Amino acid sequence: GRDVVLWPDADDDGRNAMMKLAAILAPSAASLQWVMTDDLGKGFDAADVPTDKPLLDWLAGRVVGVQR
């Protein structure tokens, strides 16, 4: 019953793992969203976000919802 945001590594393995986890969580989540990483360098993850701007600003436009 919680709101969930998944953040995959920016590579096929990361996105595939995220999709498997999304399928498991979707039936019980209040909402399910994820961070789009398709345009980022391979393997980019949360630790690689530039520190020169606030995280929420960086995430704006990257978090998308799952259609149910």
N, C-alpha and C. Protein backbone atom coordinates (compact mmCIF):
# COMPACT_ATOMS: atom_id res chain seq x y z
N GLY A 1 0.78 -1.19 0.00
CA GLY A 1 0.00 0.00 0.00
C GLY A 1 0.84 1.28 0.00
N ARG A 2 2.10 1.17 -0.30
CA ARG A 2 3.00 2.35 -0.30
C ARG A 2 3.23 2.87 -1.71
N ASP A 3 3.61 4.14 -1.78
CA ASP A 3 4.05 4.72 -3.05
C ASP A 3 5.50 4.28 -3.27
N VAL A 4 5.80 3.78 -4.46
CA VAL A 4 7.12 3.23 -4.76
C VAL A 4 7.73 3.94 -5.96
N VAL A 5 9.00 4.30 -5.85
CA VAL A 5 9.76 4.81 -6.98
C VAL A 5 11.00 3.93 -7.13
N LEU A 6 11.15 3.31 -8.28
CA LEU A 6 12.30 2.45 -8.56
C LEU A 6 13.31 3.24 -9.40
N TRP A 7 14.60 3.02 -9.11
CA TRP A 7 15.66 3.76 -9.79
C TRP A 7 16.67 2.75 -10.30
N PRO A 8 16.57 2.36 -11.58
CA PRO A 8 17.49 1.36 -12.11
C PRO A 8 18.84 1.96 -12.52
N ASP A 9 19.87 1.12 -12.51
CA ASP A 9 21.12 1.52 -13.15
C ASP A 9 20.82 1.73 -14.63
N ALA A 10 21.59 2.58 -15.27
CA ALA A 10 21.36 2.92 -16.67
C ALA A 10 22.03 1.92 -17.60
N ASP A 11 21.55 0.70 -17.56
CA ASP A 11 22.01 -0.33 -18.49
C ASP A 11 20.91 -1.39 -18.58
N ASP A 12 21.06 -2.30 -19.53
CA ASP A 12 20.00 -3.30 -19.73
C ASP A 12 19.78 -4.15 -18.49
N ASP A 13 20.86 -4.56 -17.81
CA ASP A 13 20.70 -5.38 -16.61
C ASP A 13 19.91 -4.63 -15.53
N GLY A 14 20.23 -3.36 -15.34
CA GLY A 14 19.53 -2.57 -14.33
C GLY A 14 18.06 -2.40 -14.66
N ARG A 15 17.76 -2.09 -15.92
CA ARG A 15 16.35 -1.90 -16.31
C ARG A 15 15.59 -3.22 -16.27
N ASN A 16 16.21 -4.32 -16.66
CA ASN A 16 15.54 -5.63 -16.59
C ASN A 16 15.24 -6.01 -15.15
N ALA A 17 16.19 -5.78 -14.25
CA ALA A 17 15.96 -6.08 -12.83
C ALA A 17 14.83 -5.22 -12.28
N MET A 18 14.80 -3.96 -12.68
CA MET A 18 13.74 -3.07 -12.22
C MET A 18 12.37 -3.55 -12.70
N MET A 19 12.28 -3.98 -13.94
CA MET A 19 11.00 -4.44 -14.47
C MET A 19 10.51 -5.68 -13.73
N LYS A 20 11.42 -6.58 -13.38
CA LYS A 20 11.04 -7.77 -12.60
C LYS A 20 10.52 -7.35 -11.23
N LEU A 21 11.22 -6.42 -10.59
CA LEU A 21 10.79 -5.95 -9.28
C LEU A 21 9.46 -5.21 -9.38
N ALA A 22 9.28 -4.42 -10.42
CA ALA A 22 8.02 -3.69 -10.62
C ALA A 22 6.85 -4.66 -10.73
N ALA A 23 7.04 -5.76 -11.44
CA ALA A 23 5.97 -6.75 -11.59
C ALA A 23 5.59 -7.37 -10.25
N ILE A 24 6.57 -7.55 -9.38
CA ILE A 24 6.31 -8.12 -8.06
C ILE A 24 5.58 -7.11 -7.17
N LEU A 25 6.01 -5.85 -7.23
CA LEU A 25 5.47 -4.83 -6.35
C LEU A 25 4.13 -4.24 -6.80
N ALA A 26 3.88 -4.23 -8.09
CA ALA A 26 2.71 -3.54 -8.64
C ALA A 26 1.38 -3.92 -7.98
N PRO A 27 1.12 -5.21 -7.74
CA PRO A 27 -0.19 -5.54 -7.17
C PRO A 27 -0.45 -4.96 -5.79
N SER A 28 0.60 -4.70 -5.03
CA SER A 28 0.38 -4.23 -3.66
C SER A 28 0.79 -2.77 -3.43
N ALA A 29 1.35 -2.11 -4.42
CA ALA A 29 1.78 -0.72 -4.26
C ALA A 29 0.62 0.23 -4.47
N ALA A 30 0.60 1.32 -3.69
CA ALA A 30 -0.41 2.37 -3.90
C ALA A 30 -0.16 3.05 -5.23
N SER A 31 1.12 3.31 -5.53
CA SER A 31 1.51 3.84 -6.84
C SER A 31 2.90 3.30 -7.14
N LEU A 32 3.22 3.23 -8.41
CA LEU A 32 4.51 2.70 -8.83
C LEU A 32 5.06 3.59 -9.93
N GLN A 33 6.24 4.14 -9.69
CA GLN A 33 6.90 5.00 -10.66
C GLN A 33 8.36 4.56 -10.77
N TRP A 34 9.02 5.07 -11.83
CA TRP A 34 10.44 4.81 -11.92
C TRP A 34 11.17 5.99 -12.53
N VAL A 35 12.47 5.99 -12.32
CA VAL A 35 13.33 7.05 -12.83
C VAL A 35 13.83 6.62 -14.21
N MET A 36 13.57 7.45 -15.22
CA MET A 36 14.04 7.16 -16.58
C MET A 36 15.55 7.37 -16.64
N THR A 37 16.26 6.37 -17.12
CA THR A 37 17.72 6.43 -17.20
C THR A 37 18.23 6.15 -18.61
N ASP A 38 17.33 6.08 -19.58
CA ASP A 38 17.71 5.70 -20.94
C ASP A 38 18.75 6.63 -21.57
N ASP A 39 18.73 7.90 -21.20
CA ASP A 39 19.63 8.87 -21.83
C ASP A 39 20.93 9.09 -21.04
N LEU A 40 21.13 8.32 -19.98
CA LEU A 40 22.31 8.48 -19.14
C LEU A 40 23.39 7.47 -19.54
N GLY A 41 24.59 7.72 -19.12
CA GLY A 41 25.70 6.82 -19.44
C GLY A 41 25.50 5.45 -18.83
N LYS A 42 26.05 4.44 -19.48
CA LYS A 42 25.88 3.05 -19.04
C LYS A 42 26.32 2.90 -17.58
N GLY A 43 25.43 2.31 -16.79
CA GLY A 43 25.71 2.05 -15.39
C GLY A 43 25.46 3.22 -14.46
N PHE A 44 25.06 4.38 -15.00
CA PHE A 44 24.76 5.55 -14.17
C PHE A 44 23.73 5.17 -13.12
N ASP A 45 23.97 5.55 -11.86
CA ASP A 45 23.00 5.28 -10.81
C ASP A 45 22.92 6.48 -9.87
N ALA A 46 22.19 6.33 -8.77
CA ALA A 46 21.94 7.44 -7.86
C ALA A 46 23.24 8.07 -7.34
N ALA A 47 24.26 7.30 -7.19
CA ALA A 47 25.54 7.83 -6.69
C ALA A 47 26.22 8.75 -7.70
N ASP A 48 25.79 8.71 -8.94
CA ASP A 48 26.41 9.51 -10.00
C ASP A 48 25.71 10.83 -10.28
N VAL A 49 24.63 11.12 -9.56
CA VAL A 49 23.90 12.37 -9.79
C VAL A 49 24.82 13.54 -9.46
N PRO A 50 24.91 14.52 -10.35
CA PRO A 50 25.76 15.69 -10.08
C PRO A 50 25.32 16.39 -8.79
N THR A 51 26.28 16.85 -8.04
CA THR A 51 25.97 17.49 -6.76
C THR A 51 25.80 19.00 -6.89
N ASP A 52 25.88 19.54 -8.11
CA ASP A 52 25.77 20.98 -8.28
C ASP A 52 24.33 21.49 -8.34
N LYS A 53 23.35 20.59 -8.29
CA LYS A 53 21.95 21.02 -8.23
C LYS A 53 21.19 20.07 -7.32
N PRO A 54 20.11 20.54 -6.70
CA PRO A 54 19.35 19.69 -5.79
C PRO A 54 18.80 18.45 -6.49
N LEU A 55 18.77 17.34 -5.76
CA LEU A 55 18.32 16.07 -6.32
C LEU A 55 16.91 16.16 -6.89
N LEU A 56 16.00 16.82 -6.19
CA LEU A 56 14.62 16.90 -6.70
C LEU A 56 14.55 17.66 -8.01
N ASP A 57 15.40 18.66 -8.19
CA ASP A 57 15.45 19.37 -9.48
C ASP A 57 15.95 18.43 -10.57
N TRP A 58 16.97 17.66 -10.26
CA TRP A 58 17.54 16.73 -11.23
C TRP A 58 16.50 15.67 -11.62
N LEU A 59 15.72 15.23 -10.65
CA LEU A 59 14.71 14.19 -10.91
C LEU A 59 13.50 14.71 -11.68
N ALA A 60 13.25 15.99 -11.65
CA ALA A 60 12.08 16.56 -12.33
C ALA A 60 12.05 16.13 -13.79
N GLY A 61 10.96 15.55 -14.21
CA GLY A 61 10.84 15.09 -15.59
C GLY A 61 11.39 13.70 -15.83
N ARG A 62 12.09 13.13 -14.86
CA ARG A 62 12.63 11.78 -15.02
C ARG A 62 11.77 10.70 -14.38
N VAL A 63 10.91 11.07 -13.44
CA VAL A 63 10.08 10.08 -12.75
C VAL A 63 8.79 9.93 -13.53
N VAL A 64 8.53 8.70 -13.96
CA VAL A 64 7.32 8.41 -14.74
C VAL A 64 6.50 7.33 -14.05
N GLY A 65 5.21 7.37 -14.27
CA GLY A 65 4.31 6.39 -13.65
C GLY A 65 4.06 5.18 -14.52
N VAL A 66 3.68 4.13 -13.88
CA VAL A 66 3.33 2.90 -14.56
C VAL A 66 1.84 2.94 -14.88
N GLN A 67 1.49 2.63 -16.09
CA GLN A 67 0.08 2.57 -16.47
C GLN A 67 -0.50 1.25 -15.96
N ARG A 68 -1.61 1.35 -15.27
CA ARG A 68 -2.24 0.11 -14.72
C ARG A 68 -3.48 -0.23 -15.53
